[in-house]
Amino acid sequence: MAARPYPTLTPSLLYHDAPAAIAWLERAFGFAPHLVVPGDAPNTIAHAQLTFGNGMVMLGSAEILNHPGMMQSVRAAGGIGTQAVCVYVENVDAAHDRAVAAGAVITLALQDVHYGGRAFSCRDPEGHVWHFGSYDPWT
C-alpha cells in the first residue's frame, strides 16, 4: 500500500448534542471542522469530520447513528467510556490549560510519565475520555 498523507485509523464518537460537542472540541482542544453534515431533525449531525494536525475524529448525533448492540453513547453506557482518544501534542501544558479553561473534567493530572514526555487525561461534556501527551510512540 502506498503511503498516505493521513492516518489510516479514525475514531468515531456519538454525542447527544453533536453541534455543541463540535463547538466545544474546537474551543477546548483546537479541532477544526473539515466536514459537517446536518441531520434531518433540528440540532442533529448526521456526520462530522474534525481535524487536528494530520489526525481526524468523526462524530454524529447518537439519535441518528444509533447502532443497537454494536455502539452506544457514553450516556447510554451508564457514563462509562469504553475507549480513549489519544492526541499527540508538543506543548501538553498549553493543551491542559486550554482544556481546563473550556471546562474539561481532568481525570489524570498533568504529569511527567515514566515512558517519556508529559500527559494528562480528561472527559468532555458528554463523558468521552481524551488523553493528551507529548510522547511519540513512533520514535
N, C-alpha and C. Protein backbone atom coordinates (compact mmCIF):
# COMPACT_ATOMS: atom_id res chain seq x y z
N MET A 1 0.84 -1.18 0.00
CA MET A 1 0.00 0.00 0.00
C MET A 1 0.89 1.24 0.00
N ALA A 2 0.59 2.20 -0.82
CA ALA A 2 1.35 3.45 -0.88
C ALA A 2 1.11 4.27 0.39
N ALA A 3 2.10 5.06 0.76
CA ALA A 3 1.98 5.93 1.94
C ALA A 3 0.87 6.96 1.69
N ARG A 4 0.12 7.22 2.73
CA ARG A 4 -0.96 8.20 2.65
C ARG A 4 -0.59 9.41 3.50
N PRO A 5 -1.08 10.59 3.17
CA PRO A 5 -0.76 11.78 3.96
C PRO A 5 -1.64 11.91 5.20
N TYR A 6 -2.41 10.91 5.52
CA TYR A 6 -3.32 10.96 6.66
C TYR A 6 -3.33 9.60 7.35
N PRO A 7 -3.77 9.57 8.60
CA PRO A 7 -3.82 8.28 9.31
C PRO A 7 -4.80 7.33 8.65
N THR A 8 -4.55 6.05 8.82
CA THR A 8 -5.46 5.05 8.25
C THR A 8 -6.46 4.55 9.28
N LEU A 9 -6.44 5.12 10.49
CA LEU A 9 -7.45 4.82 11.51
C LEU A 9 -8.05 6.12 11.99
N THR A 10 -9.36 6.15 12.14
CA THR A 10 -10.04 7.35 12.60
C THR A 10 -11.13 6.96 13.59
N PRO A 11 -11.05 7.41 14.84
CA PRO A 11 -12.11 7.08 15.80
C PRO A 11 -13.41 7.79 15.45
N SER A 12 -14.51 7.18 15.83
CA SER A 12 -15.83 7.74 15.60
C SER A 12 -16.59 7.75 16.92
N LEU A 13 -17.20 8.88 17.25
CA LEU A 13 -17.85 9.06 18.54
C LEU A 13 -19.31 9.48 18.36
N LEU A 14 -20.14 9.12 19.34
CA LEU A 14 -21.54 9.52 19.35
C LEU A 14 -21.77 10.57 20.42
N TYR A 15 -22.54 11.60 20.09
CA TYR A 15 -22.89 12.67 21.03
C TYR A 15 -24.38 12.91 20.97
N HIS A 16 -24.97 13.20 22.12
CA HIS A 16 -26.39 13.54 22.15
C HIS A 16 -26.63 14.97 21.69
N ASP A 17 -25.68 15.86 21.93
CA ASP A 17 -25.75 17.21 21.39
C ASP A 17 -24.50 17.43 20.54
N ALA A 18 -24.53 16.86 19.35
CA ALA A 18 -23.36 16.89 18.47
C ALA A 18 -22.96 18.31 18.06
N PRO A 19 -23.90 19.22 17.76
CA PRO A 19 -23.47 20.59 17.43
C PRO A 19 -22.70 21.25 18.59
N ALA A 20 -23.17 21.05 19.82
CA ALA A 20 -22.46 21.62 20.97
C ALA A 20 -21.11 20.93 21.15
N ALA A 21 -21.05 19.63 20.89
CA ALA A 21 -19.78 18.90 21.01
C ALA A 21 -18.75 19.43 20.02
N ILE A 22 -19.18 19.69 18.80
CA ILE A 22 -18.26 20.23 17.78
C ILE A 22 -17.70 21.57 18.25
N ALA A 23 -18.57 22.46 18.72
CA ALA A 23 -18.12 23.77 19.19
C ALA A 23 -17.17 23.63 20.37
N TRP A 24 -17.48 22.70 21.29
CA TRP A 24 -16.64 22.51 22.47
C TRP A 24 -15.28 21.93 22.07
N LEU A 25 -15.25 20.95 21.18
CA LEU A 25 -13.99 20.35 20.75
C LEU A 25 -13.09 21.38 20.04
N GLU A 26 -13.70 22.30 19.33
CA GLU A 26 -12.93 23.39 18.73
C GLU A 26 -12.32 24.27 19.81
N ARG A 27 -13.15 24.70 20.75
CA ARG A 27 -12.72 25.62 21.80
C ARG A 27 -11.73 24.97 22.77
N ALA A 28 -12.02 23.76 23.21
CA ALA A 28 -11.23 23.11 24.26
C ALA A 28 -9.94 22.48 23.76
N PHE A 29 -9.98 21.90 22.57
CA PHE A 29 -8.85 21.12 22.10
C PHE A 29 -8.22 21.66 20.81
N GLY A 30 -8.90 22.55 20.12
CA GLY A 30 -8.35 23.10 18.89
C GLY A 30 -8.67 22.31 17.64
N PHE A 31 -9.69 21.45 17.69
CA PHE A 31 -10.11 20.72 16.49
C PHE A 31 -10.70 21.71 15.48
N ALA A 32 -10.62 21.38 14.22
CA ALA A 32 -11.17 22.21 13.15
C ALA A 32 -12.17 21.39 12.34
N PRO A 33 -13.37 21.94 12.10
CA PRO A 33 -14.33 21.20 11.27
C PRO A 33 -13.80 21.04 9.85
N HIS A 34 -13.84 19.82 9.37
CA HIS A 34 -13.44 19.51 7.99
C HIS A 34 -14.69 19.32 7.14
N LEU A 35 -15.67 18.63 7.72
CA LEU A 35 -16.95 18.39 7.05
C LEU A 35 -18.00 18.22 8.14
N VAL A 36 -19.11 18.93 8.01
CA VAL A 36 -20.21 18.80 8.96
C VAL A 36 -21.50 18.68 8.15
N VAL A 37 -22.18 17.54 8.30
CA VAL A 37 -23.42 17.27 7.57
C VAL A 37 -24.56 17.29 8.58
N PRO A 38 -25.42 18.30 8.52
CA PRO A 38 -26.55 18.36 9.46
C PRO A 38 -27.50 17.18 9.26
N GLY A 39 -28.14 16.78 10.35
CA GLY A 39 -29.17 15.75 10.26
C GLY A 39 -30.48 16.35 9.80
N ASP A 40 -31.46 15.50 9.53
CA ASP A 40 -32.77 15.98 9.12
C ASP A 40 -33.53 16.63 10.27
N ALA A 41 -33.34 16.12 11.48
CA ALA A 41 -34.01 16.69 12.65
C ALA A 41 -33.22 17.91 13.14
N PRO A 42 -33.91 18.86 13.76
CA PRO A 42 -33.21 20.04 14.28
C PRO A 42 -32.13 19.66 15.29
N ASN A 43 -31.03 20.41 15.29
CA ASN A 43 -29.94 20.27 16.25
C ASN A 43 -29.30 18.87 16.22
N THR A 44 -29.23 18.26 15.05
CA THR A 44 -28.57 16.95 14.91
C THR A 44 -27.49 17.03 13.83
N ILE A 45 -26.55 16.11 13.94
CA ILE A 45 -25.48 15.99 12.96
C ILE A 45 -25.49 14.56 12.43
N ALA A 46 -25.65 14.42 11.13
CA ALA A 46 -25.62 13.10 10.51
C ALA A 46 -24.19 12.56 10.46
N HIS A 47 -23.23 13.46 10.20
CA HIS A 47 -21.83 13.05 10.11
C HIS A 47 -20.96 14.29 10.19
N ALA A 48 -19.89 14.22 10.98
CA ALA A 48 -18.93 15.32 11.03
C ALA A 48 -17.52 14.74 11.07
N GLN A 49 -16.61 15.49 10.48
CA GLN A 49 -15.20 15.14 10.49
C GLN A 49 -14.45 16.36 11.03
N LEU A 50 -13.73 16.15 12.13
CA LEU A 50 -12.95 17.23 12.74
C LEU A 50 -11.48 16.85 12.67
N THR A 51 -10.64 17.80 12.29
CA THR A 51 -9.22 17.51 12.16
C THR A 51 -8.41 18.16 13.27
N PHE A 52 -7.27 17.52 13.54
CA PHE A 52 -6.27 18.03 14.48
C PHE A 52 -4.93 17.56 13.92
N GLY A 53 -4.10 18.50 13.47
CA GLY A 53 -2.87 18.09 12.79
C GLY A 53 -3.23 17.24 11.59
N ASN A 54 -2.60 16.07 11.45
CA ASN A 54 -2.98 15.19 10.35
C ASN A 54 -3.95 14.10 10.82
N GLY A 55 -4.51 14.27 12.02
CA GLY A 55 -5.48 13.32 12.56
C GLY A 55 -6.90 13.81 12.39
N MET A 56 -7.82 12.91 12.64
CA MET A 56 -9.23 13.23 12.47
C MET A 56 -10.07 12.39 13.43
N VAL A 57 -11.15 12.97 13.91
CA VAL A 57 -12.20 12.21 14.58
C VAL A 57 -13.48 12.45 13.79
N MET A 58 -14.30 11.43 13.75
CA MET A 58 -15.63 11.55 13.16
C MET A 58 -16.63 11.48 14.30
N LEU A 59 -17.75 12.15 14.13
CA LEU A 59 -18.78 12.10 15.15
C LEU A 59 -20.13 12.36 14.53
N GLY A 60 -21.15 12.04 15.29
CA GLY A 60 -22.51 12.29 14.85
C GLY A 60 -23.45 12.21 16.03
N SER A 61 -24.69 12.55 15.77
CA SER A 61 -25.73 12.53 16.81
C SER A 61 -26.11 11.10 17.14
N ALA A 62 -26.13 10.80 18.43
CA ALA A 62 -26.47 9.45 18.89
C ALA A 62 -27.87 9.05 18.42
N GLU A 63 -28.77 10.01 18.33
CA GLU A 63 -30.14 9.72 17.91
C GLU A 63 -30.21 9.25 16.46
N ILE A 64 -29.28 9.69 15.64
CA ILE A 64 -29.25 9.31 14.23
C ILE A 64 -28.42 8.04 14.02
N LEU A 65 -27.28 7.97 14.68
CA LEU A 65 -26.32 6.90 14.43
C LEU A 65 -26.41 5.79 15.46
N ASN A 66 -27.58 5.55 15.97
CA ASN A 66 -27.80 4.51 16.97
C ASN A 66 -27.60 3.14 16.33
N HIS A 67 -26.70 2.35 16.90
CA HIS A 67 -26.43 1.01 16.41
C HIS A 67 -26.64 0.03 17.56
N PRO A 68 -27.88 -0.34 17.85
CA PRO A 68 -28.14 -1.20 18.99
C PRO A 68 -27.29 -2.47 18.96
N GLY A 69 -26.72 -2.80 20.10
CA GLY A 69 -25.92 -4.00 20.20
C GLY A 69 -24.52 -3.86 19.65
N MET A 70 -24.20 -2.71 19.04
CA MET A 70 -22.88 -2.55 18.44
C MET A 70 -22.15 -1.33 18.98
N MET A 71 -22.85 -0.20 19.11
CA MET A 71 -22.22 1.05 19.52
C MET A 71 -23.25 1.90 20.22
N GLN A 72 -22.83 2.57 21.31
CA GLN A 72 -23.74 3.47 22.01
C GLN A 72 -22.95 4.62 22.60
N SER A 73 -23.65 5.64 23.01
CA SER A 73 -23.01 6.80 23.60
C SER A 73 -22.54 6.48 25.02
N VAL A 74 -21.67 7.32 25.55
CA VAL A 74 -21.21 7.15 26.92
C VAL A 74 -22.41 7.24 27.88
N ARG A 75 -23.32 8.16 27.61
CA ARG A 75 -24.52 8.30 28.45
C ARG A 75 -25.33 7.01 28.45
N ALA A 76 -25.54 6.42 27.28
CA ALA A 76 -26.32 5.18 27.19
C ALA A 76 -25.60 4.02 27.86
N ALA A 77 -24.26 4.11 27.97
CA ALA A 77 -23.47 3.06 28.63
C ALA A 77 -23.34 3.31 30.13
N GLY A 78 -24.15 4.21 30.66
CA GLY A 78 -24.13 4.48 32.09
C GLY A 78 -23.00 5.39 32.53
N GLY A 79 -22.45 6.17 31.61
CA GLY A 79 -21.41 7.13 31.94
C GLY A 79 -20.00 6.57 31.89
N ILE A 80 -19.86 5.34 31.48
CA ILE A 80 -18.55 4.72 31.40
C ILE A 80 -18.11 4.64 29.93
N GLY A 81 -16.96 5.21 29.64
CA GLY A 81 -16.41 5.12 28.29
C GLY A 81 -15.74 3.77 28.09
N THR A 82 -15.66 3.35 26.87
CA THR A 82 -15.00 2.07 26.56
C THR A 82 -13.72 2.28 25.77
N GLN A 83 -13.37 3.53 25.52
CA GLN A 83 -12.17 3.84 24.76
C GLN A 83 -11.70 5.24 25.14
N ALA A 84 -10.49 5.56 24.78
CA ALA A 84 -9.97 6.92 24.93
C ALA A 84 -9.36 7.32 23.61
N VAL A 85 -9.52 8.57 23.26
CA VAL A 85 -8.88 9.09 22.07
C VAL A 85 -7.56 9.71 22.51
N CYS A 86 -6.47 9.29 21.90
CA CYS A 86 -5.14 9.81 22.24
C CYS A 86 -4.76 10.89 21.24
N VAL A 87 -4.34 12.03 21.77
CA VAL A 87 -3.96 13.17 20.94
C VAL A 87 -2.52 13.52 21.28
N TYR A 88 -1.67 13.59 20.28
CA TYR A 88 -0.26 13.90 20.48
C TYR A 88 -0.03 15.38 20.22
N VAL A 89 0.55 16.05 21.22
CA VAL A 89 0.80 17.48 21.14
C VAL A 89 2.23 17.76 21.60
N GLU A 90 2.81 18.84 21.12
CA GLU A 90 4.14 19.22 21.57
C GLU A 90 4.09 19.92 22.92
N ASN A 91 3.09 20.76 23.13
CA ASN A 91 3.00 21.52 24.37
C ASN A 91 1.82 21.02 25.19
N VAL A 92 2.06 20.02 26.01
CA VAL A 92 1.00 19.40 26.81
C VAL A 92 0.45 20.39 27.84
N ASP A 93 1.32 21.21 28.42
CA ASP A 93 0.86 22.17 29.43
C ASP A 93 -0.15 23.15 28.83
N ALA A 94 0.12 23.63 27.62
CA ALA A 94 -0.81 24.56 26.96
C ALA A 94 -2.12 23.85 26.61
N ALA A 95 -2.04 22.60 26.15
CA ALA A 95 -3.26 21.84 25.84
C ALA A 95 -4.08 21.63 27.10
N HIS A 96 -3.42 21.34 28.21
CA HIS A 96 -4.09 21.16 29.51
C HIS A 96 -4.80 22.44 29.92
N ASP A 97 -4.10 23.56 29.86
CA ASP A 97 -4.69 24.84 30.28
C ASP A 97 -5.89 25.20 29.42
N ARG A 98 -5.81 24.94 28.12
CA ARG A 98 -6.92 25.23 27.21
C ARG A 98 -8.13 24.35 27.54
N ALA A 99 -7.88 23.07 27.79
CA ALA A 99 -8.97 22.15 28.12
C ALA A 99 -9.63 22.53 29.44
N VAL A 100 -8.83 22.86 30.44
CA VAL A 100 -9.38 23.27 31.75
C VAL A 100 -10.21 24.54 31.60
N ALA A 101 -9.71 25.50 30.83
CA ALA A 101 -10.43 26.76 30.63
C ALA A 101 -11.79 26.53 29.97
N ALA A 102 -11.90 25.48 29.16
CA ALA A 102 -13.16 25.16 28.48
C ALA A 102 -14.07 24.29 29.32
N GLY A 103 -13.60 23.88 30.51
CA GLY A 103 -14.44 23.09 31.41
C GLY A 103 -14.25 21.59 31.35
N ALA A 104 -13.15 21.13 30.74
CA ALA A 104 -12.90 19.70 30.71
C ALA A 104 -12.70 19.19 32.14
N VAL A 105 -13.19 17.99 32.41
CA VAL A 105 -13.00 17.35 33.71
C VAL A 105 -11.70 16.55 33.64
N ILE A 106 -10.72 16.97 34.41
CA ILE A 106 -9.42 16.29 34.40
C ILE A 106 -9.54 14.98 35.16
N THR A 107 -9.16 13.88 34.52
CA THR A 107 -9.24 12.55 35.15
C THR A 107 -7.86 11.99 35.49
N LEU A 108 -6.84 12.48 34.84
CA LEU A 108 -5.46 12.13 35.15
C LEU A 108 -4.68 13.44 35.11
N ALA A 109 -4.15 13.84 36.26
CA ALA A 109 -3.47 15.13 36.37
C ALA A 109 -2.30 15.24 35.41
N LEU A 110 -2.04 16.47 35.01
CA LEU A 110 -0.88 16.77 34.18
C LEU A 110 0.37 16.29 34.90
N GLN A 111 1.19 15.49 34.20
CA GLN A 111 2.36 14.91 34.86
C GLN A 111 3.38 14.45 33.84
N ASP A 112 4.61 14.28 34.33
CA ASP A 112 5.65 13.62 33.55
C ASP A 112 5.36 12.13 33.65
N VAL A 113 5.49 11.41 32.53
CA VAL A 113 5.19 9.98 32.53
C VAL A 113 6.48 9.17 32.38
N HIS A 114 6.48 7.99 32.96
CA HIS A 114 7.70 7.17 33.01
C HIS A 114 8.20 6.74 31.64
N TYR A 115 7.36 6.71 30.62
CA TYR A 115 7.79 6.28 29.30
C TYR A 115 8.22 7.45 28.43
N GLY A 116 8.25 8.65 29.01
CA GLY A 116 8.73 9.84 28.30
C GLY A 116 7.65 10.86 28.05
N GLY A 117 8.02 12.11 28.17
CA GLY A 117 7.10 13.20 27.89
C GLY A 117 6.18 13.53 29.06
N ARG A 118 5.15 14.29 28.75
CA ARG A 118 4.14 14.72 29.72
C ARG A 118 2.78 14.31 29.19
N ALA A 119 1.82 14.21 30.11
CA ALA A 119 0.49 13.78 29.69
C ALA A 119 -0.56 14.20 30.70
N PHE A 120 -1.81 14.20 30.25
CA PHE A 120 -2.98 14.33 31.12
C PHE A 120 -4.15 13.70 30.40
N SER A 121 -5.19 13.37 31.15
CA SER A 121 -6.42 12.84 30.57
C SER A 121 -7.59 13.64 31.09
N CYS A 122 -8.65 13.71 30.29
CA CYS A 122 -9.85 14.45 30.69
C CYS A 122 -11.08 13.85 30.03
N ARG A 123 -12.23 14.31 30.50
CA ARG A 123 -13.51 13.95 29.89
C ARG A 123 -14.12 15.20 29.28
N ASP A 124 -14.78 15.02 28.14
CA ASP A 124 -15.51 16.12 27.54
C ASP A 124 -16.90 16.20 28.19
N PRO A 125 -17.72 17.18 27.82
CA PRO A 125 -19.01 17.34 28.50
C PRO A 125 -19.95 16.12 28.42
N GLU A 126 -19.77 15.25 27.43
CA GLU A 126 -20.62 14.06 27.36
C GLU A 126 -19.91 12.80 27.87
N GLY A 127 -18.72 12.96 28.44
CA GLY A 127 -18.05 11.85 29.11
C GLY A 127 -17.01 11.09 28.32
N HIS A 128 -16.77 11.44 27.07
CA HIS A 128 -15.71 10.77 26.31
C HIS A 128 -14.36 11.09 26.94
N VAL A 129 -13.48 10.09 26.98
CA VAL A 129 -12.16 10.25 27.57
C VAL A 129 -11.16 10.64 26.48
N TRP A 130 -10.38 11.66 26.77
CA TRP A 130 -9.35 12.16 25.87
C TRP A 130 -8.02 12.15 26.61
N HIS A 131 -6.99 11.59 25.99
CA HIS A 131 -5.66 11.54 26.59
C HIS A 131 -4.74 12.38 25.72
N PHE A 132 -4.06 13.34 26.32
CA PHE A 132 -3.12 14.21 25.62
C PHE A 132 -1.72 13.92 26.12
N GLY A 133 -0.78 13.78 25.21
CA GLY A 133 0.60 13.53 25.61
C GLY A 133 1.59 13.99 24.58
N SER A 134 2.82 14.18 25.05
CA SER A 134 3.89 14.59 24.14
C SER A 134 4.75 13.40 23.71
N TYR A 135 4.51 12.25 24.30
CA TYR A 135 5.24 11.05 23.94
C TYR A 135 4.90 10.65 22.50
N ASP A 136 5.92 10.41 21.69
CA ASP A 136 5.71 9.99 20.30
C ASP A 136 5.93 8.50 20.21
N PRO A 137 4.86 7.70 20.06
CA PRO A 137 5.00 6.25 20.04
C PRO A 137 5.71 5.73 18.78
N TRP A 138 5.92 6.58 17.79
CA TRP A 138 6.55 6.15 16.54
C TRP A 138 8.07 6.25 16.59
N THR A 139 8.59 6.91 17.63
CA THR A 139 10.06 7.06 17.70
C THR A 139 10.65 6.13 18.73
